[in-house]
Amino acid sequence: MSNPLDQTYTALAEATARVGEAKAPLFLATLALALLSRQTDANEALALITQAERLAAM
């Protein structure tokens, strides 16, 4: 049995594939906003945004 993080990554990959390449950015943005809205610490949320931006720029 895989661990919960592996299950989460798999679910994300499968859902992204189901929505299709054209709608993947909207899907991911919607998911990101939903997850950020659950953050209770604004500094942690900002750090995650900075981290994602750095990784995307590589």
PDB file of N, CA and C in Angstrom:
ATOM      1  N   MET A   1       0.845  -1.191   0.000  1.00  0.00           N
ATOM      2  CA  MET A   1       0.000   0.000   0.000  1.00  0.00           C
ATOM      3  C   MET A   1       0.884   1.246   0.000  1.00  0.00           C
ATOM      4  N   SER A   2       0.565   2.196  -0.834  1.00  0.00           N
ATOM      5  CA  SER A   2       1.366   3.413  -0.923  1.00  0.00           C
ATOM      6  C   SER A   2       1.017   4.369   0.219  1.00  0.00           C
ATOM      7  N   ASN A   3       1.929   5.298   0.452  1.00  0.00           N
ATOM      8  CA  ASN A   3       1.688   6.246   1.543  1.00  0.00           C
ATOM      9  C   ASN A   3       0.730   7.347   1.079  1.00  0.00           C
ATOM     10  N   PRO A   4       0.152   8.086   2.024  1.00  0.00           N
ATOM     11  CA  PRO A   4      -0.829   9.121   1.673  1.00  0.00           C
ATOM     12  C   PRO A   4      -0.289  10.178   0.708  1.00  0.00           C
ATOM     13  N   LEU A   5       0.997  10.533   0.829  1.00  0.00           N
ATOM     14  CA  LEU A   5       1.546  11.534  -0.076  1.00  0.00           C
ATOM     15  C   LEU A   5       1.601  10.992  -1.505  1.00  0.00           C
ATOM     16  N   ASP A   6       1.996   9.741  -1.654  1.00  0.00           N
ATOM     17  CA  ASP A   6       1.993   9.121  -2.986  1.00  0.00           C
ATOM     18  C   ASP A   6       0.583   9.072  -3.557  1.00  0.00           C
ATOM     19  N   GLN A   7      -0.379   8.746  -2.723  1.00  0.00           N
ATOM     20  CA  GLN A   7      -1.774   8.704  -3.168  1.00  0.00           C
ATOM     21  C   GLN A   7      -2.242  10.088  -3.615  1.00  0.00           C
ATOM     22  N   THR A   8      -1.801  11.108  -2.887  1.00  0.00           N
ATOM     23  CA  THR A   8      -2.181  12.477  -3.226  1.00  0.00           C
ATOM     24  C   THR A   8      -1.571  12.900  -4.558  1.00  0.00           C
ATOM     25  N   TYR A   9      -0.281  12.608  -4.749  1.00  0.00           N
ATOM     26  CA  TYR A   9       0.377  12.933  -6.020  1.00  0.00           C
ATOM     27  C   TYR A   9      -0.307  12.219  -7.184  1.00  0.00           C
ATOM     28  N   THR A  10      -0.638  10.956  -6.973  1.00  0.00           N
ATOM     29  CA  THR A  10      -1.304  10.185  -8.025  1.00  0.00           C
ATOM     30  C   THR A  10      -2.672  10.771  -8.348  1.00  0.00           C
ATOM     31  N   ALA A  11      -3.435  11.108  -7.319  1.00  0.00           N
ATOM     32  CA  ALA A  11      -4.758  11.705  -7.531  1.00  0.00           C
ATOM     33  C   ALA A  11      -4.651  13.026  -8.282  1.00  0.00           C
ATOM     34  N   LEU A  12      -3.644  13.835  -7.936  1.00  0.00           N
ATOM     35  CA  LEU A  12      -3.442  15.111  -8.623  1.00  0.00           C
ATOM     36  C   LEU A  12      -3.089  14.884 -10.088  1.00  0.00           C
ATOM     37  N   ALA A  13      -2.177  13.958 -10.346  1.00  0.00           N
ATOM     38  CA  ALA A  13      -1.785  13.677 -11.727  1.00  0.00           C
ATOM     39  C   ALA A  13      -2.967  13.160 -12.548  1.00  0.00           C
ATOM     40  N   GLU A  14      -3.735  12.279 -11.964  1.00  0.00           N
ATOM     41  CA  GLU A  14      -4.884  11.718 -12.679  1.00  0.00           C
ATOM     42  C   GLU A  14      -5.955  12.770 -12.939  1.00  0.00           C
ATOM     43  N   ALA A  15      -6.231  13.613 -11.954  1.00  0.00           N
ATOM     44  CA  ALA A  15      -7.231  14.668 -12.134  1.00  0.00           C
ATOM     45  C   ALA A  15      -6.767  15.676 -13.180  1.00  0.00           C
ATOM     46  N   THR A  16      -5.481  16.015 -13.162  1.00  0.00           N
ATOM     47  CA  THR A  16      -4.939  16.939 -14.164  1.00  0.00           C
ATOM     48  C   THR A  16      -5.078  16.350 -15.550  1.00  0.00           C
ATOM     49  N   ALA A  17      -4.817  15.075 -15.693  1.00  0.00           N
ATOM     50  CA  ALA A  17      -4.969  14.414 -16.995  1.00  0.00           C
ATOM     51  C   ALA A  17      -6.430  14.396 -17.427  1.00  0.00           C
ATOM     52  N   ARG A  18      -7.336  14.163 -16.501  1.00  0.00           N
ATOM     53  CA  ARG A  18      -8.770  14.121 -16.853  1.00  0.00           C
ATOM     54  C   ARG A  18      -9.288  15.466 -17.336  1.00  0.00           C
ATOM     55  N   VAL A  19      -8.837  16.563 -16.726  1.00  0.00           N
ATOM     56  CA  VAL A  19      -9.341  17.872 -17.161  1.00  0.00           C
ATOM     57  C   VAL A  19      -8.726  18.284 -18.495  1.00  0.00           C
ATOM     58  N   GLY A  20      -7.585  17.711 -18.814  1.00  0.00           N
ATOM     59  CA  GLY A  20      -6.962  17.981 -20.104  1.00  0.00           C
ATOM     60  C   GLY A  20      -5.981  19.137 -20.055  1.00  0.00           C
ATOM     61  N   GLU A  21      -5.110  19.136 -21.049  1.00  0.00           N
ATOM     62  CA  GLU A  21      -4.033  20.128 -21.108  1.00  0.00           C
ATOM     63  C   GLU A  21      -4.557  21.559 -21.161  1.00  0.00           C
ATOM     64  N   ALA A  22      -5.623  21.783 -21.908  1.00  0.00           N
ATOM     65  CA  ALA A  22      -6.146  23.145 -22.067  1.00  0.00           C
ATOM     66  C   ALA A  22      -6.690  23.723 -20.759  1.00  0.00           C
ATOM     67  N   LYS A  23      -7.266  22.865 -19.916  1.00  0.00           N
ATOM     68  CA  LYS A  23      -7.875  23.356 -18.671  1.00  0.00           C
ATOM     69  C   LYS A  23      -7.003  23.100 -17.443  1.00  0.00           C
ATOM     70  N   ALA A  24      -5.849  22.477 -17.632  1.00  0.00           N
ATOM     71  CA  ALA A  24      -4.967  22.178 -16.495  1.00  0.00           C
ATOM     72  C   ALA A  24      -4.554  23.435 -15.729  1.00  0.00           C
ATOM     73  N   PRO A  25      -4.183  24.544 -16.398  1.00  0.00           N
ATOM     74  CA  PRO A  25      -3.821  25.744 -15.624  1.00  0.00           C
ATOM     75  C   PRO A  25      -4.962  26.259 -14.740  1.00  0.00           C
ATOM     76  N   LEU A  26      -6.177  26.235 -15.247  1.00  0.00           N
ATOM     77  CA  LEU A  26      -7.331  26.677 -14.453  1.00  0.00           C
ATOM     78  C   LEU A  26      -7.562  25.727 -13.281  1.00  0.00           C
ATOM     79  N   PHE A  27      -7.480  24.437 -13.544  1.00  0.00           N
ATOM     80  CA  PHE A  27      -7.637  23.438 -12.489  1.00  0.00           C
ATOM     81  C   PHE A  27      -6.598  23.643 -11.392  1.00  0.00           C
ATOM     82  N   LEU A  28      -5.337  23.787 -11.780  1.00  0.00           N
ATOM     83  CA  LEU A  28      -4.266  23.948 -10.796  1.00  0.00           C
ATOM     84  C   LEU A  28      -4.381  25.262 -10.036  1.00  0.00           C
ATOM     85  N   ALA A  29      -4.786  26.325 -10.711  1.00  0.00           N
ATOM     86  CA  ALA A  29      -4.971  27.615 -10.030  1.00  0.00           C
ATOM     87  C   ALA A  29      -6.112  27.530  -9.013  1.00  0.00           C
ATOM     88  N   THR A  30      -7.200  26.878  -9.406  1.00  0.00           N
ATOM     89  CA  THR A  30      -8.334  26.712  -8.498  1.00  0.00           C
ATOM     90  C   THR A  30      -7.935  25.894  -7.277  1.00  0.00           C
ATOM     91  N   LEU A  31      -7.201  24.826  -7.514  1.00  0.00           N
ATOM     92  CA  LEU A  31      -6.727  23.989  -6.416  1.00  0.00           C
ATOM     93  C   LEU A  31      -5.778  24.772  -5.503  1.00  0.00           C
ATOM     94  N   ALA A  32      -4.862  25.521  -6.110  1.00  0.00           N
ATOM     95  CA  ALA A  32      -3.908  26.309  -5.323  1.00  0.00           C
ATOM     96  C   ALA A  32      -4.638  27.318  -4.432  1.00  0.00           C
ATOM     97  N   LEU A  33      -5.629  28.001  -4.976  1.00  0.00           N
ATOM     98  CA  LEU A  33      -6.383  28.975  -4.176  1.00  0.00           C
ATOM     99  C   LEU A  33      -7.138  28.291  -3.037  1.00  0.00           C
ATOM    100  N   ALA A  34      -7.712  27.122  -3.324  1.00  0.00           N
ATOM    101  CA  ALA A  34      -8.433  26.388  -2.283  1.00  0.00           C
ATOM    102  C   ALA A  34      -7.486  25.953  -1.172  1.00  0.00           C
ATOM    103  N   LEU A  35      -6.306  25.469  -1.546  1.00  0.00           N
ATOM    104  CA  LEU A  35      -5.340  25.032  -0.533  1.00  0.00           C
ATOM    105  C   LEU A  35      -4.777  26.210   0.249  1.00  0.00           C
ATOM    106  N   LEU A  36      -4.492  27.316  -0.435  1.00  0.00           N
ATOM    107  CA  LEU A  36      -3.981  28.497   0.270  1.00  0.00           C
ATOM    108  C   LEU A  36      -5.010  29.059   1.245  1.00  0.00           C
ATOM    109  N   SER A  37      -6.291  28.961   0.896  1.00  0.00           N
ATOM    110  CA  SER A  37      -7.326  29.488   1.789  1.00  0.00           C
ATOM    111  C   SER A  37      -7.389  28.721   3.103  1.00  0.00           C
ATOM    112  N   ARG A  38      -6.806  27.520   3.134  1.00  0.00           N
ATOM    113  CA  ARG A  38      -6.778  26.714   4.359  1.00  0.00           C
ATOM    114  C   ARG A  38      -5.564  27.027   5.231  1.00  0.00           C
ATOM    115  N   GLN A  39      -4.631  27.802   4.706  1.00  0.00           N
ATOM    116  CA  GLN A  39      -3.436  28.174   5.472  1.00  0.00           C
ATOM    117  C   GLN A  39      -3.830  29.197   6.533  1.00  0.00           C
ATOM    118  N   THR A  40      -3.418  28.946   7.760  1.00  0.00           N
ATOM    119  CA  THR A  40      -3.708  29.901   8.831  1.00  0.00           C
ATOM    120  C   THR A  40      -2.576  30.902   9.025  1.00  0.00           C
ATOM    121  N   ASP A  41      -1.426  30.605   8.447  1.00  0.00           N
ATOM    122  CA  ASP A  41      -0.256  31.463   8.600  1.00  0.00           C
ATOM    123  C   ASP A  41       0.080  32.102   7.253  1.00  0.00           C
ATOM    124  N   ALA A  42      -0.129  33.401   7.143  1.00  0.00           N
ATOM    125  CA  ALA A  42       0.121  34.108   5.882  1.00  0.00           C
ATOM    126  C   ALA A  42       1.585  34.014   5.477  1.00  0.00           C
ATOM    127  N   ASN A  43       2.497  34.063   6.436  1.00  0.00           N
ATOM    128  CA  ASN A  43       3.918  33.970   6.096  1.00  0.00           C
ATOM    129  C   ASN A  43       4.259  32.621   5.476  1.00  0.00           C
ATOM    130  N   GLU A  44       3.664  31.551   5.986  1.00  0.00           N
ATOM    131  CA  GLU A  44       3.877  30.218   5.411  1.00  0.00           C
ATOM    132  C   GLU A  44       3.313  30.163   3.995  1.00  0.00           C
ATOM    133  N   ALA A  45       2.144  30.741   3.792  1.00  0.00           N
ATOM    134  CA  ALA A  45       1.545  30.770   2.453  1.00  0.00           C
ATOM    135  C   ALA A  45       2.433  31.542   1.484  1.00  0.00           C
ATOM    136  N   LEU A  46       2.956  32.673   1.920  1.00  0.00           N
ATOM    137  CA  LEU A  46       3.838  33.472   1.066  1.00  0.00           C
ATOM    138  C   LEU A  46       5.124  32.719   0.752  1.00  0.00           C
ATOM    139  N   ALA A  47       5.641  31.980   1.714  1.00  0.00           N
ATOM    140  CA  ALA A  47       6.850  31.179   1.484  1.00  0.00           C
ATOM    141  C   ALA A  47       6.586  30.090   0.448  1.00  0.00           C
ATOM    142  N   LEU A  48       5.412  29.481   0.505  1.00  0.00           N
ATOM    143  CA  LEU A  48       5.063  28.456  -0.479  1.00  0.00           C
ATOM    144  C   LEU A  48       4.937  29.048  -1.883  1.00  0.00           C
ATOM    145  N   ILE A  49       4.375  30.236  -1.971  1.00  0.00           N
ATOM    146  CA  ILE A  49       4.254  30.918  -3.260  1.00  0.00           C
ATOM    147  C   ILE A  49       5.646  31.215  -3.816  1.00  0.00           C
ATOM    148  N   THR A  50       6.531  31.729  -2.973  1.00  0.00           N
ATOM    149  CA  THR A  50       7.890  32.031  -3.391  1.00  0.00           C
ATOM    150  C   THR A  50       8.620  30.765  -3.850  1.00  0.00           C
ATOM    151  N   GLN A  51       8.462  29.691  -3.108  1.00  0.00           N
ATOM    152  CA  GLN A  51       9.076  28.424  -3.463  1.00  0.00           C
ATOM    153  C   GLN A  51       8.581  27.921  -4.820  1.00  0.00           C
ATOM    154  N   ALA A  52       7.283  27.970  -5.030  1.00  0.00           N
ATOM    155  CA  ALA A  52       6.720  27.512  -6.302  1.00  0.00           C
ATOM    156  C   ALA A  52       7.207  28.370  -7.468  1.00  0.00           C
ATOM    157  N   GLU A  53       7.289  29.661  -7.248  1.00  0.00           N
ATOM    158  CA  GLU A  53       7.774  30.559  -8.302  1.00  0.00           C
ATOM    159  C   GLU A  53       9.217  30.240  -8.657  1.00  0.00           C
ATOM    160  N   ARG A  54      10.052  30.022  -7.656  1.00  0.00           N
ATOM    161  CA  ARG A  54      11.456  29.687  -7.901  1.00  0.00           C
ATOM    162  C   ARG A  54      11.587  28.389  -8.686  1.00  0.00           C
ATOM    163  N   LEU A  55      10.822  27.394  -8.290  1.00  0.00           N
ATOM    164  CA  LEU A  55      10.879  26.109  -8.991  1.00  0.00           C
ATOM    165  C   LEU A  55      10.391  26.221 -10.428  1.00  0.00           C
ATOM    166  N   ALA A  56       9.377  27.034 -10.646  1.00  0.00           N
ATOM    167  CA  ALA A  56       8.846  27.209 -12.001  1.00  0.00           C
ATOM    168  C   ALA A  56       9.818  27.952 -12.897  1.00  0.00           C
ATOM    169  N   ALA A  57      10.658  28.774 -12.321  1.00  0.00           N
ATOM    170  CA  ALA A  57      11.608  29.569 -13.109  1.00  0.00           C
ATOM    171  C   ALA A  57      12.854  28.782 -13.500  1.00  0.00           C
ATOM    172  N   MET A  58      13.036  27.601 -12.993  1.00  0.00           N
ATOM    173  CA  MET A  58      14.237  26.792 -13.278  1.00  0.00           C
ATOM    174  C   MET A  58      14.236  26.297 -14.706  1.00  0.00           C
TER     175      MET A  58
END
